[in-house]
Amino acid sequence: MGIRAAWKEDLQATSAELVFGESIRLPGEFVNPKQTTGDSDPAVYVNRLRRHFNELKPQPTSWHGDKPTFIFKDLASSSHVLAYRNAPKGPLENPYEGPFPVISRHPRYYVIKIRNREVAVSFDRLKPAYVTRDSPDDLQGHEDRPQDQQPENQQPADDSFPEDSHSDNNRTTRSGRRVRFTQFYQAG
């Protein structure tokens, strides 16, 4: 733009005037056009600049990150809750674990029973658990039960069977077909 706006003595014009028919406006003239008011005195300019900056007021700030915490309505009356696990999860892994029984409620946290320990958990990590009251084992959850205590209807683990007993490995389907499942991780 500087070359096109430069005055050519031999042409008595600029190259932009020859192409467009008039002179072009340079970027500096957009921001600070030539003043014709006669304010060339620096003292007048400084006073005008001070008045302008004294009139400026700061804009009020807004807080975009302060969102209200979502709380389930049924959380205050539920007997069991699900607790959010803030740990890396694999694909298709549930982000909540539980249900855990609620021991006590406080304004910012609940005390719940996890693995036979009372743990204080912030209420924003909790979600109400809707459990049926059919059997007491369903309400306890497998995390609350000690490892050595098992329900009566559950068989002991496969490693407690004698090695010569293979009747557990052979099963019969509903149609009467005999099926043999592969036993993984067997010693011997």
Protein backbone atom coordinates (compact mmCIF):
# COMPACT_ATOMS: atom_id res chain seq x y z
CA MET A 1 0.00 0.00 0.00
CA GLY A 2 2.93 2.31 0.62
CA ILE A 3 4.16 1.91 -2.95
CA ARG A 4 0.71 2.54 -4.39
CA ALA A 5 0.25 5.66 -2.22
CA ALA A 6 3.73 7.08 -2.97
CA TRP A 7 3.82 10.27 -5.06
CA LYS A 8 5.38 9.88 -8.53
CA GLU A 9 7.07 13.09 -9.74
CA ASP A 10 7.05 12.08 -13.38
CA LEU A 11 3.30 11.23 -13.34
CA GLN A 12 2.31 13.99 -10.94
CA ALA A 13 0.02 11.45 -9.19
CA THR A 14 0.12 8.17 -7.22
CA SER A 15 -0.39 4.83 -8.92
CA ALA A 16 -3.59 4.33 -6.85
CA GLU A 17 -4.98 7.63 -8.21
CA LEU A 18 -4.33 6.42 -11.74
CA VAL A 19 -6.14 3.09 -11.13
CA PHE A 20 -9.00 4.17 -8.86
CA GLY A 21 -9.38 7.81 -9.83
CA GLU A 22 -8.79 9.08 -6.28
CA SER A 23 -6.21 8.64 -3.52
CA ILE A 24 -6.52 5.67 -1.18
CA ARG A 25 -6.82 5.87 2.57
CA LEU A 26 -3.93 4.33 4.50
CA PRO A 27 -4.49 2.23 7.65
CA GLY A 28 -3.14 4.93 9.95
CA GLU A 29 -5.73 7.36 8.63
CA PHE A 30 -8.56 5.00 9.66
CA VAL A 31 -7.49 5.14 13.31
CA ASN A 32 -6.28 8.72 13.56
CA PRO A 33 -7.69 10.90 10.78
CA LYS A 34 -6.13 14.28 10.22
CA GLN A 35 -7.52 16.82 12.63
CA THR A 36 -8.77 20.06 11.24
CA THR A 37 -9.89 21.50 14.61
CA GLY A 38 -6.52 23.05 15.39
CA ASP A 39 -5.86 21.04 18.60
CA SER A 40 -2.16 20.92 18.01
CA ASP A 41 -1.37 22.12 21.54
CA PRO A 42 -0.12 19.15 23.64
CA ALA A 43 -1.57 20.57 26.89
CA VAL A 44 -5.08 20.66 25.44
CA TYR A 45 -4.66 17.11 24.13
CA VAL A 46 -3.44 15.83 27.55
CA ASN A 47 -6.34 17.50 29.39
CA ARG A 48 -8.85 16.01 26.95
CA LEU A 49 -7.21 12.58 27.34
CA ARG A 50 -7.34 12.76 31.17
CA ARG A 51 -11.01 13.75 31.13
CA HIS A 52 -11.80 10.83 28.84
CA PHE A 53 -10.04 8.28 31.07
CA ASN A 54 -11.60 9.68 34.26
CA GLU A 55 -15.04 9.05 32.78
CA LEU A 56 -14.27 5.37 32.06
CA LYS A 57 -15.77 2.93 34.56
CA PRO A 58 -14.84 -0.76 34.90
CA GLN A 59 -17.36 -3.30 33.65
CA PRO A 60 -18.90 -5.55 36.30
CA THR A 61 -17.56 -9.08 36.16
CA SER A 62 -19.71 -12.16 35.85
CA TRP A 63 -19.03 -15.59 37.36
CA HIS A 64 -19.61 -18.25 34.72
CA GLY A 65 -18.31 -21.25 36.69
CA ASP A 66 -20.57 -20.96 39.75
CA LYS A 67 -23.33 -23.46 38.95
CA PRO A 68 -25.76 -24.74 41.56
CA THR A 69 -25.20 -28.36 42.55
CA PHE A 70 -27.89 -30.77 41.38
CA ILE A 71 -29.41 -32.71 44.26
CA PHE A 72 -31.91 -35.53 43.79
CA LYS A 73 -35.24 -34.90 45.53
CA ASP A 74 -35.41 -38.47 46.85
CA LEU A 75 -31.93 -38.27 48.39
CA ALA A 76 -33.30 -36.81 51.63
CA SER A 77 -35.68 -39.73 52.17
CA SER A 78 -33.83 -42.70 50.66
CA SER A 79 -32.53 -45.42 52.94
CA HIS A 80 -29.76 -46.49 50.53
CA VAL A 81 -27.56 -44.47 48.17
CA LEU A 82 -25.17 -45.03 45.29
CA ALA A 83 -21.75 -43.37 45.59
CA TYR A 84 -19.90 -41.90 42.58
CA ARG A 85 -16.45 -43.35 42.00
CA ASN A 86 -14.04 -40.65 40.91
CA ALA A 87 -11.50 -43.05 39.47
CA PRO A 88 -10.54 -44.07 35.94
CA LYS A 89 -13.22 -46.33 34.55
CA GLY A 90 -13.08 -48.87 31.79
CA PRO A 91 -15.57 -49.03 28.95
CA LEU A 92 -19.12 -49.96 30.01
CA GLU A 93 -18.16 -49.72 33.69
CA ASN A 94 -20.72 -48.24 36.04
CA PRO A 95 -19.59 -44.88 37.51
CA TYR A 96 -21.55 -45.53 40.74
CA GLU A 97 -21.02 -48.26 43.29
CA GLY A 98 -23.41 -49.46 45.93
CA PRO A 99 -26.16 -49.46 47.21
CA PHE A 100 -24.92 -48.45 50.64
CA PRO A 101 -27.13 -47.82 53.70
CA VAL A 102 -27.35 -44.26 55.01
CA ILE A 103 -26.30 -43.94 58.66
CA SER A 104 -26.86 -40.18 59.17
CA ARG A 105 -27.52 -37.02 57.19
CA HIS A 106 -25.73 -33.69 57.67
CA PRO A 107 -26.12 -30.36 55.79
CA ARG A 108 -23.18 -30.93 53.37
CA TYR A 109 -22.41 -34.66 53.66
CA TYR A 110 -23.95 -38.03 54.47
CA VAL A 111 -22.43 -40.79 56.58
CA ILE A 112 -22.85 -44.11 54.78
CA LYS A 113 -21.70 -47.62 55.55
CA ILE A 114 -19.13 -48.92 53.02
CA ARG A 115 -17.48 -52.29 53.67
CA ASN A 116 -18.46 -52.26 57.38
CA ARG A 117 -16.99 -48.75 57.87
CA GLU A 118 -18.81 -45.48 58.33
CA VAL A 119 -17.61 -43.03 55.70
CA ALA A 120 -18.55 -39.35 55.28
CA VAL A 121 -19.34 -38.59 51.62
CA SER A 122 -20.31 -35.24 50.11
CA PHE A 123 -23.96 -35.26 49.07
CA ASP A 124 -23.15 -34.12 45.51
CA ARG A 125 -21.43 -37.51 44.92
CA LEU A 126 -24.54 -39.44 46.00
CA LYS A 127 -27.59 -40.66 44.15
CA PRO A 128 -30.63 -42.35 45.71
CA ALA A 129 -30.80 -46.13 45.30
CA TYR A 130 -34.21 -47.66 44.72
CA VAL A 131 -33.98 -51.14 46.25
CA THR A 132 -36.67 -53.72 46.86
CA ARG A 133 -37.32 -54.91 50.39
CA ASP A 134 -37.83 -58.58 49.43
CA SER A 135 -34.87 -60.05 51.26
CA PRO A 136 -32.39 -58.61 53.76
CA ASP A 137 -29.47 -59.90 51.64
CA ASP A 138 -30.50 -57.66 48.74
CA LEU A 139 -30.38 -54.57 50.95
CA GLN A 140 -26.96 -55.36 52.37
CA GLY A 141 -25.05 -55.51 49.10
CA HIS A 142 -21.99 -57.66 48.63
CA GLU A 143 -19.63 -54.89 49.79
CA ASP A 144 -21.16 -54.79 53.30
CA ARG A 145 -20.99 -58.55 53.93
CA PRO A 146 -17.78 -59.94 55.48
CA GLN A 147 -15.75 -62.16 53.18
CA ASP A 148 -16.03 -65.28 55.37
CA GLN A 149 -19.81 -64.98 55.80
CA GLN A 150 -21.90 -66.15 52.82
CA PRO A 151 -25.65 -66.60 52.39
CA GLU A 152 -27.04 -70.10 52.91
CA ASN A 153 -28.27 -70.54 49.34
CA GLN A 154 -24.88 -69.77 47.76
CA GLN A 155 -22.46 -72.65 47.20
CA PRO A 156 -18.84 -72.31 48.30
CA ALA A 157 -16.22 -71.36 45.73
CA ASP A 158 -14.91 -74.02 43.28
CA ASP A 159 -11.54 -74.27 45.02
CA SER A 160 -13.16 -75.83 48.12
CA PHE A 161 -14.38 -78.90 46.17
CA PRO A 162 -12.14 -81.99 46.11
CA GLU A 163 -10.17 -82.40 42.90
CA ASP A 164 -11.78 -85.75 41.99
CA SER A 165 -15.29 -84.24 41.95
CA HIS A 166 -16.11 -83.39 38.32
CA SER A 167 -19.90 -83.46 38.68
CA ASP A 168 -19.96 -79.66 39.00
CA ASN A 169 -18.26 -79.37 35.60
CA ASN A 170 -20.92 -81.47 33.81
CA ARG A 171 -24.30 -79.78 33.64
CA THR A 172 -27.55 -80.45 31.85
CA THR A 173 -29.49 -77.79 29.95
CA ARG A 174 -33.29 -77.44 30.04
CA SER A 175 -33.62 -79.53 26.91
CA GLY A 176 -31.62 -82.35 28.52
CA ARG A 177 -28.37 -81.88 26.65
CA ARG A 178 -25.21 -82.44 28.70
CA VAL A 179 -22.78 -79.48 28.70
CA ARG A 180 -19.24 -79.39 30.04
CA PHE A 181 -17.84 -75.95 30.84
CA THR A 182 -14.12 -75.24 30.72
CA GLN A 183 -12.54 -74.66 34.10
CA PHE A 184 -9.99 -71.89 33.89
CA TYR A 185 -7.07 -71.36 36.24
CA GLN A 186 -6.93 -74.91 37.59
CA ALA A 187 -3.78 -76.14 39.24
CA GLY A 188 -2.49 -79.53 38.22
